[in-house]
Full PDB file with SEQRES, HELIX, SHEET, SSBOND, CRYST1, ORIGX, SCALE, CONECT and MASTER records, all heavy atoms in Angstrom:
SEQRES   1 A   45  GLU GLU GLY GLY SER PHE SER LYS HIS GLY ILE ASP LEU          
SEQRES   2 A   45  SER ILE TYR GLY HIS SER ASP PRO SER ALA THR VAL ALA          
SEQRES   3 A   45  ARG VAL GLN VAL LYS ARG GLY HIS PHE GLN GLU PHE SER          
SEQRES   4 A   45  ASN GLU ARG SER SER TYR                                      
SHEET    1 AA1 3 SER A   5  LYS A   8  0                                        
SHEET    2 AA1 3 ILE A  11  TYR A  16 -1                                        
SHEET    3 AA1 3 VAL A  25  VAL A  30 -1                                        
CRYST1    1.000    1.000    1.000  90.00  90.00  90.00 P 1           1          
ORIGX1      1.000000  0.000000  0.000000        0.00000                         
ORIGX2      0.000000  1.000000  0.000000        0.00000                         
ORIGX3      0.000000  0.000000  1.000000        0.00000                         
SCALE1      1.000000  0.000000  0.000000        0.00000                         
SCALE2      0.000000  1.000000  0.000000        0.00000                         
SCALE3      0.000000  0.000000  1.000000        0.00000                         
ATOM      1  N   GLU A   1      38.029 155.719 -18.556  1.00  0.00           N  
ATOM      2  CA  GLU A   1      36.956 156.611 -18.841  1.00  0.00           C  
ATOM      3  C   GLU A   1      37.335 157.939 -19.441  1.00  0.00           C  
ATOM      4  O   GLU A   1      36.678 158.518 -20.281  1.00  0.00           O  
ATOM      5  CB  GLU A   1      36.115 156.872 -17.548  1.00  0.00           C  
ATOM      6  CG  GLU A   1      35.392 155.678 -17.008  1.00  0.00           C  
ATOM      7  CD  GLU A   1      36.262 154.713 -16.232  1.00  0.00           C  
ATOM      8  OE1 GLU A   1      37.451 155.042 -15.819  1.00  0.00           O  
ATOM      9  OE2 GLU A   1      35.847 153.549 -16.020  1.00  0.00           O  
ATOM     10  N   GLU A   2      38.555 158.423 -19.087  1.00  0.00           N  
ATOM     11  CA  GLU A   2      39.082 159.587 -19.652  1.00  0.00           C  
ATOM     12  C   GLU A   2      39.454 159.422 -21.147  1.00  0.00           C  
ATOM     13  O   GLU A   2      39.316 160.407 -21.917  1.00  0.00           O  
ATOM     14  CB  GLU A   2      40.364 160.010 -18.916  1.00  0.00           C  
ATOM     15  CG  GLU A   2      40.131 160.483 -17.445  1.00  0.00           C  
ATOM     16  CD  GLU A   2      41.394 160.637 -16.738  1.00  0.00           C  
ATOM     17  OE1 GLU A   2      42.503 160.132 -17.156  1.00  0.00           O  
ATOM     18  OE2 GLU A   2      41.401 161.319 -15.663  1.00  0.00           O  
ATOM     19  N   GLY A   3      39.970 158.315 -21.433  1.00  0.00           N  
ATOM     20  CA  GLY A   3      40.477 158.056 -22.805  1.00  0.00           C  
ATOM     21  C   GLY A   3      39.496 157.403 -23.734  1.00  0.00           C  
ATOM     22  O   GLY A   3      39.368 157.692 -24.894  1.00  0.00           O  
ATOM     23  N   GLY A   4      38.695 156.492 -23.160  1.00  0.00           N  
ATOM     24  CA  GLY A   4      37.678 155.839 -23.929  1.00  0.00           C  
ATOM     25  C   GLY A   4      38.129 154.461 -24.495  1.00  0.00           C  
ATOM     26  O   GLY A   4      39.273 154.040 -24.408  1.00  0.00           O  
ATOM     27  N   SER A   5      37.168 153.701 -25.023  1.00  0.00           N  
ATOM     28  CA  SER A   5      37.330 152.376 -25.537  1.00  0.00           C  
ATOM     29  C   SER A   5      36.602 152.278 -26.929  1.00  0.00           C  
ATOM     30  O   SER A   5      35.659 152.951 -27.140  1.00  0.00           O  
ATOM     31  CB  SER A   5      36.743 151.372 -24.562  1.00  0.00           C  
ATOM     32  OG  SER A   5      37.386 151.369 -23.324  1.00  0.00           O  
ATOM     33  N   PHE A   6      37.195 151.425 -27.805  1.00  0.00           N  
ATOM     34  CA  PHE A   6      36.574 151.148 -29.037  1.00  0.00           C  
ATOM     35  C   PHE A   6      37.132 149.896 -29.635  1.00  0.00           C  
ATOM     36  O   PHE A   6      38.100 149.379 -29.210  1.00  0.00           O  
ATOM     37  CB  PHE A   6      36.759 152.369 -30.014  1.00  0.00           C  
ATOM     38  CG  PHE A   6      38.178 152.642 -30.368  1.00  0.00           C  
ATOM     39  CD1 PHE A   6      38.781 152.143 -31.492  1.00  0.00           C  
ATOM     40  CD2 PHE A   6      39.006 153.460 -29.572  1.00  0.00           C  
ATOM     41  CE1 PHE A   6      40.035 152.362 -31.858  1.00  0.00           C  
ATOM     42  CE2 PHE A   6      40.316 153.672 -29.944  1.00  0.00           C  
ATOM     43  CZ  PHE A   6      40.866 153.153 -31.029  1.00  0.00           C  
ATOM     44  N   SER A   7      36.440 149.417 -30.661  1.00  0.00           N  
ATOM     45  CA  SER A   7      36.873 148.157 -31.395  1.00  0.00           C  
ATOM     46  C   SER A   7      37.264 148.582 -32.743  1.00  0.00           C  
ATOM     47  O   SER A   7      36.696 149.469 -33.347  1.00  0.00           O  
ATOM     48  CB  SER A   7      35.723 147.177 -31.425  1.00  0.00           C  
ATOM     49  OG  SER A   7      35.400 146.714 -30.120  1.00  0.00           O  
ATOM     50  N   LYS A   8      38.277 147.820 -33.341  1.00  0.00           N  
ATOM     51  CA  LYS A   8      38.842 148.147 -34.609  1.00  0.00           C  
ATOM     52  C   LYS A   8      39.442 146.876 -35.191  1.00  0.00           C  
ATOM     53  O   LYS A   8      40.390 146.356 -34.685  1.00  0.00           O  
ATOM     54  CB  LYS A   8      39.902 149.254 -34.478  1.00  0.00           C  
ATOM     55  CG  LYS A   8      40.570 149.720 -35.725  1.00  0.00           C  
ATOM     56  CD  LYS A   8      41.629 150.731 -35.386  1.00  0.00           C  
ATOM     57  CE  LYS A   8      42.425 151.010 -36.638  1.00  0.00           C  
ATOM     58  NZ  LYS A   8      43.497 152.020 -36.309  1.00  0.00           N  
ATOM     59  N   HIS A   9      38.914 146.410 -36.361  1.00  0.00           N  
ATOM     60  CA  HIS A   9      39.500 145.326 -37.111  1.00  0.00           C  
ATOM     61  C   HIS A   9      39.759 144.104 -36.272  1.00  0.00           C  
ATOM     62  O   HIS A   9      40.857 143.503 -36.510  1.00  0.00           O  
ATOM     63  CB  HIS A   9      40.708 145.799 -37.910  1.00  0.00           C  
ATOM     64  CG  HIS A   9      40.429 147.060 -38.704  1.00  0.00           C  
ATOM     65  ND1 HIS A   9      39.493 147.045 -39.750  1.00  0.00           N  
ATOM     66  CD2 HIS A   9      40.982 148.294 -38.573  1.00  0.00           C  
ATOM     67  CE1 HIS A   9      39.477 148.234 -40.234  1.00  0.00           C  
ATOM     68  NE2 HIS A   9      40.365 149.033 -39.545  1.00  0.00           N  
ATOM     69  N   GLY A  10      38.923 143.699 -35.355  1.00  0.00           N  
ATOM     70  CA  GLY A  10      39.083 142.460 -34.608  1.00  0.00           C  
ATOM     71  C   GLY A  10      39.758 142.655 -33.204  1.00  0.00           C  
ATOM     72  O   GLY A  10      39.947 141.677 -32.518  1.00  0.00           O  
ATOM     73  N   ILE A  11      40.091 143.906 -32.871  1.00  0.00           N  
ATOM     74  CA  ILE A  11      40.632 144.128 -31.509  1.00  0.00           C  
ATOM     75  C   ILE A  11      39.798 145.075 -30.746  1.00  0.00           C  
ATOM     76  O   ILE A  11      39.196 145.946 -31.257  1.00  0.00           O  
ATOM     77  CB  ILE A  11      42.077 144.625 -31.553  1.00  0.00           C  
ATOM     78  CG1 ILE A  11      42.256 145.917 -32.273  1.00  0.00           C  
ATOM     79  CG2 ILE A  11      43.013 143.493 -32.276  1.00  0.00           C  
ATOM     80  CD1 ILE A  11      43.626 146.534 -32.300  1.00  0.00           C  
ATOM     81  N   ASP A  12      39.880 144.964 -29.358  1.00  0.00           N  
ATOM     82  CA  ASP A  12      39.229 145.922 -28.522  1.00  0.00           C  
ATOM     83  C   ASP A  12      40.337 146.726 -27.823  1.00  0.00           C  
ATOM     84  O   ASP A  12      41.229 146.148 -27.265  1.00  0.00           O  
ATOM     85  CB  ASP A  12      38.420 145.207 -27.439  1.00  0.00           C  
ATOM     86  CG  ASP A  12      37.214 144.429 -28.083  1.00  0.00           C  
ATOM     87  OD1 ASP A  12      36.624 144.936 -28.992  1.00  0.00           O  
ATOM     88  OD2 ASP A  12      36.961 143.307 -27.591  1.00  0.00           O  
ATOM     89  N   LEU A  13      40.235 148.074 -27.925  1.00  0.00           N  
ATOM     90  CA  LEU A  13      41.278 148.974 -27.352  1.00  0.00           C  
ATOM     91  C   LEU A  13      40.628 149.843 -26.201  1.00  0.00           C  
ATOM     92  O   LEU A  13      39.583 150.328 -26.341  1.00  0.00           O  
ATOM     93  CB  LEU A  13      41.780 149.905 -28.423  1.00  0.00           C  
ATOM     94  CG  LEU A  13      42.579 149.135 -29.450  1.00  0.00           C  
ATOM     95  CD1 LEU A  13      42.179 149.719 -30.838  1.00  0.00           C  
ATOM     96  CD2 LEU A  13      44.057 149.386 -29.274  1.00  0.00           C  
ATOM     97  N   SER A  14      41.429 150.007 -25.086  1.00  0.00           N  
ATOM     98  CA  SER A  14      41.134 150.932 -24.068  1.00  0.00           C  
ATOM     99  C   SER A  14      42.265 151.909 -24.010  1.00  0.00           C  
ATOM    100  O   SER A  14      43.416 151.446 -23.751  1.00  0.00           O  
ATOM    101  CB  SER A  14      40.961 150.232 -22.717  1.00  0.00           C  
ATOM    102  OG  SER A  14      39.901 149.347 -22.784  1.00  0.00           O  
ATOM    103  N   ILE A  15      42.054 153.153 -24.273  1.00  0.00           N  
ATOM    104  CA  ILE A  15      43.119 154.139 -24.435  1.00  0.00           C  
ATOM    105  C   ILE A  15      43.281 154.940 -23.135  1.00  0.00           C  
ATOM    106  O   ILE A  15      42.335 155.297 -22.515  1.00  0.00           O  
ATOM    107  CB  ILE A  15      42.807 155.133 -25.573  1.00  0.00           C  
ATOM    108  CG1 ILE A  15      42.501 154.375 -26.844  1.00  0.00           C  
ATOM    109  CG2 ILE A  15      43.966 156.068 -25.741  1.00  0.00           C  
ATOM    110  CD1 ILE A  15      43.576 153.516 -27.407  1.00  0.00           C  
ATOM    111  N   TYR A  16      44.522 155.180 -22.805  1.00  0.00           N  
ATOM    112  CA  TYR A  16      44.812 155.903 -21.483  1.00  0.00           C  
ATOM    113  C   TYR A  16      45.657 157.187 -21.825  1.00  0.00           C  
ATOM    114  O   TYR A  16      46.608 157.139 -22.551  1.00  0.00           O  
ATOM    115  CB  TYR A  16      45.624 155.024 -20.550  1.00  0.00           C  
ATOM    116  CG  TYR A  16      44.865 153.846 -20.116  1.00  0.00           C  
ATOM    117  CD1 TYR A  16      44.864 152.664 -20.806  1.00  0.00           C  
ATOM    118  CD2 TYR A  16      44.102 153.886 -18.940  1.00  0.00           C  
ATOM    119  CE1 TYR A  16      44.163 151.559 -20.402  1.00  0.00           C  
ATOM    120  CE2 TYR A  16      43.387 152.814 -18.496  1.00  0.00           C  
ATOM    121  CZ  TYR A  16      43.427 151.627 -19.259  1.00  0.00           C  
ATOM    122  OH  TYR A  16      42.720 150.568 -18.806  1.00  0.00           O  
ATOM    123  N   GLY A  17      45.342 158.245 -21.160  1.00  0.00           N  
ATOM    124  CA  GLY A  17      46.126 159.480 -21.121  1.00  0.00           C  
ATOM    125  C   GLY A  17      46.520 160.096 -22.445  1.00  0.00           C  
ATOM    126  O   GLY A  17      47.684 159.946 -22.810  1.00  0.00           O  
ATOM    127  N   HIS A  18      45.610 160.767 -23.097  1.00  0.00           N  
ATOM    128  CA  HIS A  18      45.919 161.429 -24.326  1.00  0.00           C  
ATOM    129  C   HIS A  18      46.714 162.689 -24.144  1.00  0.00           C  
ATOM    130  O   HIS A  18      47.069 163.384 -25.106  1.00  0.00           O  
ATOM    131  CB  HIS A  18      44.649 161.718 -25.118  1.00  0.00           C  
ATOM    132  CG  HIS A  18      44.085 160.522 -25.854  1.00  0.00           C  
ATOM    133  ND1 HIS A  18      44.622 160.003 -26.967  1.00  0.00           N  
ATOM    134  CD2 HIS A  18      43.099 159.719 -25.467  1.00  0.00           C  
ATOM    135  CE1 HIS A  18      43.940 158.991 -27.319  1.00  0.00           C  
ATOM    136  NE2 HIS A  18      42.987 158.804 -26.486  1.00  0.00           N  
ATOM    137  N   SER A  19      46.942 163.150 -22.959  1.00  0.00           N  
ATOM    138  CA  SER A  19      47.518 164.459 -22.685  1.00  0.00           C  
ATOM    139  C   SER A  19      49.023 164.506 -22.830  1.00  0.00           C  
ATOM    140  O   SER A  19      49.588 165.553 -22.843  1.00  0.00           O  
ATOM    141  CB  SER A  19      47.145 164.877 -21.279  1.00  0.00           C  
ATOM    142  OG  SER A  19      47.638 163.987 -20.313  1.00  0.00           O  
ATOM    143  N   ASP A  20      49.716 163.395 -22.926  1.00  0.00           N  
ATOM    144  CA  ASP A  20      51.154 163.326 -22.990  1.00  0.00           C  
ATOM    145  C   ASP A  20      51.600 163.077 -24.444  1.00  0.00           C  
ATOM    146  O   ASP A  20      51.372 161.994 -24.929  1.00  0.00           O  
ATOM    147  CB  ASP A  20      51.681 162.245 -22.063  1.00  0.00           C  
ATOM    148  CG  ASP A  20      53.208 162.269 -21.967  1.00  0.00           C  
ATOM    149  OD1 ASP A  20      53.888 162.876 -22.822  1.00  0.00           O  
ATOM    150  OD2 ASP A  20      53.668 161.716 -20.940  1.00  0.00           O  
ATOM    151  N   PRO A  21      52.247 164.027 -25.137  1.00  0.00           N  
ATOM    152  CA  PRO A  21      52.666 163.790 -26.485  1.00  0.00           C  
ATOM    153  C   PRO A  21      53.771 162.802 -26.657  1.00  0.00           C  
ATOM    154  O   PRO A  21      54.081 162.400 -27.803  1.00  0.00           O  
ATOM    155  CB  PRO A  21      53.102 165.255 -26.927  1.00  0.00           C  
ATOM    156  CG  PRO A  21      53.497 165.909 -25.666  1.00  0.00           C  
ATOM    157  CD  PRO A  21      52.614 165.353 -24.601  1.00  0.00           C  
ATOM    158  N   SER A  22      54.393 162.372 -25.584  1.00  0.00           N  
ATOM    159  CA  SER A  22      55.519 161.442 -25.754  1.00  0.00           C  
ATOM    160  C   SER A  22      55.048 160.029 -25.946  1.00  0.00           C  
ATOM    161  O   SER A  22      55.792 159.172 -26.509  1.00  0.00           O  
ATOM    162  CB  SER A  22      56.454 161.473 -24.475  1.00  0.00           C  
ATOM    163  OG  SER A  22      55.755 161.012 -23.337  1.00  0.00           O  
ATOM    164  N   ALA A  23      53.863 159.610 -25.510  1.00  0.00           N  
ATOM    165  CA  ALA A  23      53.359 158.258 -25.683  1.00  0.00           C  
ATOM    166  C   ALA A  23      51.839 158.176 -25.570  1.00  0.00           C  
ATOM    167  O   ALA A  23      51.255 158.943 -24.873  1.00  0.00           O  
ATOM    168  CB  ALA A  23      53.925 157.362 -24.670  1.00  0.00           C  
ATOM    169  N   THR A  24      51.303 157.179 -26.237  1.00  0.00           N  
ATOM    170  CA  THR A  24      49.897 156.785 -26.034  1.00  0.00           C  
ATOM    171  C   THR A  24      49.990 155.354 -25.475  1.00  0.00           C  
ATOM    172  O   THR A  24      50.772 154.505 -26.068  1.00  0.00           O  
ATOM    173  CB  THR A  24      49.111 156.752 -27.392  1.00  0.00           C  
ATOM    174  OG1 THR A  24      49.077 158.025 -27.941  1.00  0.00           O  
ATOM    175  CG2 THR A  24      47.665 156.241 -27.194  1.00  0.00           C  
ATOM    176  N   VAL A  25      49.237 155.040 -24.496  1.00  0.00           N  
ATOM    177  CA  VAL A  25      49.155 153.728 -23.858  1.00  0.00           C  
ATOM    178  C   VAL A  25      47.754 153.155 -23.977  1.00  0.00           C  
ATOM    179  O   VAL A  25      46.774 153.806 -23.807  1.00  0.00           O  
ATOM    180  CB  VAL A  25      49.622 153.711 -22.369  1.00  0.00           C  
ATOM    181  CG1 VAL A  25      49.553 152.391 -21.738  1.00  0.00           C  
ATOM    182  CG2 VAL A  25      51.045 154.306 -22.317  1.00  0.00           C  
ATOM    183  N   ALA A  26      47.736 151.858 -24.428  1.00  0.00           N  
ATOM    184  CA  ALA A  26      46.396 151.213 -24.578  1.00  0.00           C  
ATOM    185  C   ALA A  26      46.426 149.759 -24.095  1.00  0.00           C  
ATOM    186  O   ALA A  26      47.551 149.132 -24.175  1.00  0.00           O  
ATOM    187  CB  ALA A  26      46.008 151.260 -26.002  1.00  0.00           C  
ATOM    188  N   ARG A  27      45.351 149.307 -23.590  1.00  0.00           N  
ATOM    189  CA  ARG A  27      45.193 147.885 -23.330  1.00  0.00           C  
ATOM    190  C   ARG A  27      44.423 147.297 -24.530  1.00  0.00           C  
ATOM    191  O   ARG A  27      43.501 147.825 -25.030  1.00  0.00           O  
ATOM    192  CB  ARG A  27      44.259 147.698 -22.137  1.00  0.00           C  
ATOM    193  CG  ARG A  27      43.978 146.280 -21.773  1.00  0.00           C  
ATOM    194  CD  ARG A  27      43.153 146.216 -20.578  1.00  0.00           C  
ATOM    195  NE  ARG A  27      42.643 144.884 -20.316  1.00  0.00           N  
ATOM    196  CZ  ARG A  27      41.417 144.534 -20.120  1.00  0.00           C  
ATOM    197  NH1 ARG A  27      40.482 145.476 -20.044  1.00  0.00           N  
ATOM    198  NH2 ARG A  27      41.030 143.284 -19.857  1.00  0.00           N  
ATOM    199  N   VAL A  28      45.093 146.270 -25.069  1.00  0.00           N  
ATOM    200  CA  VAL A  28      44.516 145.563 -26.356  1.00  0.00           C  
ATOM    201  C   VAL A  28      44.119 144.157 -25.905  1.00  0.00           C  
ATOM    202  O   VAL A  28      44.793 143.473 -25.359  1.00  0.00           O  
ATOM    203  CB  VAL A  28      45.710 145.507 -27.409  1.00  0.00           C  
ATOM    204  CG1 VAL A  28      45.134 144.849 -28.641  1.00  0.00           C  
ATOM    205  CG2 VAL A  28      46.273 146.840 -27.731  1.00  0.00           C  
ATOM    206  N   GLN A  29      42.862 143.856 -26.336  1.00  0.00           N  
ATOM    207  CA  GLN A  29      42.322 142.544 -26.216  1.00  0.00           C  
ATOM    208  C   GLN A  29      41.961 142.092 -27.541  1.00  0.00           C  
ATOM    209  O   GLN A  29      41.280 142.706 -28.331  1.00  0.00           O  
ATOM    210  CB  GLN A  29      41.087 142.561 -25.249  1.00  0.00           C  
ATOM    211  CG  GLN A  29      41.476 142.879 -23.821  1.00  0.00           C  
ATOM    212  CD  GLN A  29      40.260 142.866 -22.967  1.00  0.00           C  
ATOM    213  OE1 GLN A  29      39.416 143.686 -23.040  1.00  0.00           O  
ATOM    214  NE2 GLN A  29      40.207 141.836 -22.028  1.00  0.00           N  
ATOM    215  N   VAL A  30      42.447 140.826 -27.890  1.00  0.00           N  
ATOM    216  CA  VAL A  30      42.191 140.248 -29.192  1.00  0.00           C  
ATOM    217  C   VAL A  30      41.784 138.807 -28.953  1.00  0.00           C  
ATOM    218  O   VAL A  30      42.400 138.100 -28.218  1.00  0.00           O  
ATOM    219  CB  VAL A  30      43.400 140.379 -30.132  1.00  0.00           C  
ATOM    220  CG1 VAL A  30      44.669 139.753 -29.515  1.00  0.00           C  
ATOM    221  CG2 VAL A  30      43.178 139.870 -31.536  1.00  0.00           C  
ATOM    222  N   LYS A  31      40.802 138.381 -29.692  1.00  0.00           N  
ATOM    223  CA  LYS A  31      40.298 136.989 -29.566  1.00  0.00           C  
ATOM    224  C   LYS A  31      40.790 136.120 -30.700  1.00  0.00           C  
ATOM    225  O   LYS A  31      41.046 134.951 -30.509  1.00  0.00           O  
ATOM    226  CB  LYS A  31      38.701 136.999 -29.559  1.00  0.00           C  
ATOM    227  CG  LYS A  31      38.170 137.599 -28.319  1.00  0.00           C  
ATOM    228  CD  LYS A  31      36.634 137.548 -28.310  1.00  0.00           C  
ATOM    229  CE  LYS A  31      36.169 138.271 -27.042  1.00  0.00           C  
ATOM    230  NZ  LYS A  31      34.790 138.528 -27.048  1.00  0.00           N  
ATOM    231  N   ARG A  32      40.977 136.692 -31.911  1.00  0.00           N  
ATOM    232  CA  ARG A  32      41.354 135.856 -33.108  1.00  0.00           C  
ATOM    233  C   ARG A  32      42.481 136.549 -33.878  1.00  0.00           C  
ATOM    234  O   ARG A  32      43.333 135.936 -34.384  1.00  0.00           O  
ATOM    235  CB  ARG A  32      40.186 135.661 -34.016  1.00  0.00           C  
ATOM    236  CG  ARG A  32      39.160 134.686 -33.417  1.00  0.00           C  
ATOM    237  CD  ARG A  32      38.186 134.158 -34.400  1.00  0.00           C  
ATOM    238  NE  ARG A  32      38.828 133.491 -35.503  1.00  0.00           N  
ATOM    239  CZ  ARG A  32      38.545 133.667 -36.771  1.00  0.00           C  
ATOM    240  NH1 ARG A  32      37.662 134.525 -37.192  1.00  0.00           N  
ATOM    241  NH2 ARG A  32      39.190 132.964 -37.713  1.00  0.00           N  
ATOM    242  N   GLY A  33      42.405 137.913 -33.955  1.00  0.00           N  
ATOM    243  CA  GLY A  33      43.479 138.539 -34.777  1.00  0.00           C  
ATOM    244  C   GLY A  33      43.105 140.011 -34.996  1.00  0.00           C  
ATOM    245  O   GLY A  33      41.977 140.449 -34.847  1.00  0.00           O  
ATOM    246  N   HIS A  34      44.137 140.785 -35.438  1.00  0.00           N  
ATOM    247  CA  HIS A  34      43.946 142.153 -35.851  1.00  0.00           C  
ATOM    248  C   HIS A  34      43.952 142.042 -37.402  1.00  0.00           C  
ATOM    249  O   HIS A  34      44.996 141.864 -38.034  1.00  0.00           O  
ATOM    250  CB  HIS A  34      45.095 143.035 -35.428  1.00  0.00           C  
ATOM    251  CG  HIS A  34      44.923 144.433 -35.699  1.00  0.00           C  
ATOM    252  ND1 HIS A  34      45.941 145.360 -35.682  1.00  0.00           N  
ATOM    253  CD2 HIS A  34      43.828 145.213 -35.984  1.00  0.00           C  
ATOM    254  CE1 HIS A  34      45.520 146.529 -35.965  1.00  0.00           C  
ATOM    255  NE2 HIS A  34      44.229 146.443 -36.185  1.00  0.00           N  
ATOM    256  N   PHE A  35      42.762 142.245 -37.964  1.00  0.00           N  
ATOM    257  CA  PHE A  35      42.531 141.944 -39.408  1.00  0.00           C  
ATOM    258  C   PHE A  35      42.792 143.124 -40.304  1.00  0.00           C  
ATOM    259  O   PHE A  35      42.110 143.344 -41.287  1.00  0.00           O  
ATOM    260  CB  PHE A  35      41.109 141.405 -39.560  1.00  0.00           C  
ATOM    261  CG  PHE A  35      40.964 140.093 -38.790  1.00  0.00           C  
ATOM    262  CD1 PHE A  35      40.186 139.999 -37.638  1.00  0.00           C  
ATOM    263  CD2 PHE A  35      41.560 138.891 -39.283  1.00  0.00           C  
ATOM    264  CE1 PHE A  35      40.064 138.842 -36.907  1.00  0.00           C  
ATOM    265  CE2 PHE A  35      41.398 137.737 -38.576  1.00  0.00           C  
ATOM    266  CZ  PHE A  35      40.691 137.683 -37.402  1.00  0.00           C  
ATOM    267  N   GLN A  36      43.859 143.899 -39.971  1.00  0.00           N  
ATOM    268  CA  GLN A  36      44.265 144.987 -40.854  1.00  0.00           C  
ATOM    269  C   GLN A  36      45.801 145.049 -40.770  1.00  0.00           C  
ATOM    270  O   GLN A  36      46.426 145.032 -39.694  1.00  0.00           O  
ATOM    271  CB  GLN A  36      43.746 146.287 -40.375  1.00  0.00           C  
ATOM    272  CG  GLN A  36      44.223 147.546 -41.205  1.00  0.00           C  
ATOM    273  CD  GLN A  36      44.121 148.855 -40.592  1.00  0.00           C  
ATOM    274  OE1 GLN A  36      44.108 148.949 -39.346  1.00  0.00           O  
ATOM    275  NE2 GLN A  36      44.013 149.811 -41.343  1.00  0.00           N  
ATOM    276  N   GLU A  37      46.467 144.947 -41.919  1.00  0.00           N  
ATOM    277  CA  GLU A  37      47.892 145.164 -41.995  1.00  0.00           C  
ATOM    278  C   GLU A  37      48.034 146.700 -42.061  1.00  0.00           C  
ATOM    279  O   GLU A  37      47.470 147.322 -42.947  1.00  0.00           O  
ATOM    280  CB  GLU A  37      48.457 144.428 -43.185  1.00  0.00           C  
ATOM    281  CG  GLU A  37      50.071 144.558 -43.149  1.00  0.00           C  
ATOM    282  CD  GLU A  37      50.669 143.703 -44.223  1.00  0.00           C  
ATOM    283  OE1 GLU A  37      49.973 143.153 -45.129  1.00  0.00           O  
ATOM    284  OE2 GLU A  37      51.920 143.523 -44.134  1.00  0.00           O  
ATOM    285  N   PHE A  38      48.988 147.263 -41.306  1.00  0.00           N  
ATOM    286  CA  PHE A  38      49.178 148.688 -41.242  1.00  0.00           C  
ATOM    287  C   PHE A  38      50.678 148.984 -40.937  1.00  0.00           C  
ATOM    288  O   PHE A  38      51.427 148.086 -40.542  1.00  0.00           O  
ATOM    289  CB  PHE A  38      48.275 149.401 -40.324  1.00  0.00           C  
ATOM    290  CG  PHE A  38      48.604 149.063 -38.882  1.00  0.00           C  
ATOM    291  CD1 PHE A  38      49.338 150.004 -38.145  1.00  0.00           C  
ATOM    292  CD2 PHE A  38      48.085 147.956 -38.251  1.00  0.00           C  
ATOM    293  CE1 PHE A  38      49.678 149.665 -36.814  1.00  0.00           C  
ATOM    294  CE2 PHE A  38      48.420 147.664 -36.972  1.00  0.00           C  
ATOM    295  CZ  PHE A  38      49.189 148.506 -36.236  1.00  0.00           C  
ATOM    296  N   SER A  39      51.046 150.258 -41.095  1.00  0.00           N  
ATOM    297  CA  SER A  39      52.341 150.748 -40.555  1.00  0.00           C  
ATOM    298  C   SER A  39      52.152 152.136 -40.042  1.00  0.00           C  
ATOM    299  O   SER A  39      51.138 152.741 -40.263  1.00  0.00           O  
ATOM    300  CB  SER A  39      53.396 150.632 -41.696  1.00  0.00           C  
ATOM    301  OG  SER A  39      53.025 151.619 -42.703  1.00  0.00           O  
ATOM    302  N   ASN A  40      53.147 152.601 -39.318  1.00  0.00           N  
ATOM    303  CA  ASN A  40      53.169 153.944 -38.844  1.00  0.00           C  
ATOM    304  C   ASN A  40      54.444 154.650 -39.236  1.00  0.00           C  
ATOM    305  O   ASN A  40      55.453 154.088 -39.025  1.00  0.00           O  
ATOM    306  CB  ASN A  40      52.977 153.962 -37.330  1.00  0.00           C  
ATOM    307  CG  ASN A  40      52.681 155.387 -36.787  1.00  0.00           C  
ATOM    308  OD1 ASN A  40      53.471 156.300 -36.921  1.00  0.00           O  
ATOM    309  ND2 ASN A  40      51.536 155.601 -36.210  1.00  0.00           N  
ATOM    310  N   GLU A  41      54.328 155.767 -39.859  1.00  0.00           N  
ATOM    311  CA  GLU A  41      55.504 156.475 -40.436  1.00  0.00           C  
ATOM    312  C   GLU A  41      56.428 157.067 -39.340  1.00  0.00           C  
ATOM    313  O   GLU A  41      57.571 157.255 -39.596  1.00  0.00           O  
ATOM    314  CB  GLU A  41      55.102 157.517 -41.388  1.00  0.00           C  
ATOM    315  CG  GLU A  41      54.555 157.007 -42.681  1.00  0.00           C  
ATOM    316  CD  GLU A  41      54.195 158.112 -43.672  1.00  0.00           C  
ATOM    317  OE1 GLU A  41      54.279 159.384 -43.314  1.00  0.00           O  
ATOM    318  OE2 GLU A  41      53.943 157.747 -44.890  1.00  0.00           O  
ATOM    319  N   ARG A  42      55.883 157.374 -38.179  1.00  0.00           N  
ATOM    320  CA  ARG A  42      56.600 158.194 -37.201  1.00  0.00           C  
ATOM    321  C   ARG A  42      56.764 157.438 -35.856  1.00  0.00           C  
ATOM    322  O   ARG A  42      57.831 157.600 -35.207  1.00  0.00           O  
ATOM    323  CB  ARG A  42      55.849 159.490 -36.906  1.00  0.00           C  
ATOM    324  CG  ARG A  42      56.483 160.427 -36.067  1.00  0.00           C  
ATOM    325  CD  ARG A  42      55.625 161.782 -35.931  1.00  0.00           C  
ATOM    326  NE  ARG A  42      54.335 161.488 -35.356  1.00  0.00           N  
ATOM    327  CZ  ARG A  42      53.999 161.709 -34.055  1.00  0.00           C  
ATOM    328  NH1 ARG A  42      54.863 162.291 -33.262  1.00  0.00           N  
ATOM    329  NH2 ARG A  42      52.766 161.453 -33.605  1.00  0.00           N  
ATOM    330  N   SER A  43      55.843 156.601 -35.450  1.00  0.00           N  
ATOM    331  CA  SER A  43      55.843 156.050 -34.061  1.00  0.00           C  
ATOM    332  C   SER A  43      56.336 154.606 -34.103  1.00  0.00           C  
ATOM    333  O   SER A  43      56.120 153.836 -34.989  1.00  0.00           O  
ATOM    334  CB  SER A  43      54.441 156.149 -33.478  1.00  0.00           C  
ATOM    335  OG  SER A  43      54.062 157.456 -33.358  1.00  0.00           O  
ATOM    336  N   SER A  44      56.866 154.262 -32.943  1.00  0.00           N  
ATOM    337  CA  SER A  44      57.226 152.815 -32.631  1.00  0.00           C  
ATOM    338  C   SER A  44      56.030 152.271 -31.838  1.00  0.00           C  
ATOM    339  O   SER A  44      55.393 153.022 -31.041  1.00  0.00           O  
ATOM    340  CB  SER A  44      58.485 152.709 -31.800  1.00  0.00           C  
ATOM    341  OG  SER A  44      59.642 153.097 -32.535  1.00  0.00           O  
ATOM    342  N   TYR A  45      55.754 151.035 -32.026  1.00  0.00           N  
ATOM    343  CA  TYR A  45      54.729 150.283 -31.241  1.00  0.00           C  
ATOM    344  C   TYR A  45      55.470 149.276 -30.334  1.00  0.00           C  
ATOM    345  O   TYR A  45      56.282 148.505 -30.809  1.00  0.00           O  
ATOM    346  CB  TYR A  45      53.805 149.525 -32.178  1.00  0.00           C  
ATOM    347  CG  TYR A  45      52.763 150.493 -32.781  1.00  0.00           C  
ATOM    348  CD1 TYR A  45      53.138 151.484 -33.652  1.00  0.00           C  
ATOM    349  CD2 TYR A  45      51.440 150.260 -32.660  1.00  0.00           C  
ATOM    350  CE1 TYR A  45      52.237 152.344 -34.341  1.00  0.00           C  
ATOM    351  CE2 TYR A  45      50.494 151.088 -33.288  1.00  0.00           C  
ATOM    352  CZ  TYR A  45      50.909 152.092 -34.098  1.00  0.00           C  
ATOM    353  OH  TYR A  45      49.950 152.897 -34.704  1.00  0.00           O  
TER     354      TYR A  45                                                      
MASTER        0    0    0    0    3    0    0    6  353    1    0    4          
END                                                                             
């Protein structure tokens, strides 16, 4: 509830604890796929 939930390109995300700059943690639920190819210049996943 603090972080919120949303859907993006075929996945459902629940985000936890935005207050810590060292990491973002999320629960990811996917039924078929994440339909976006992407990269991140700074962060590891």
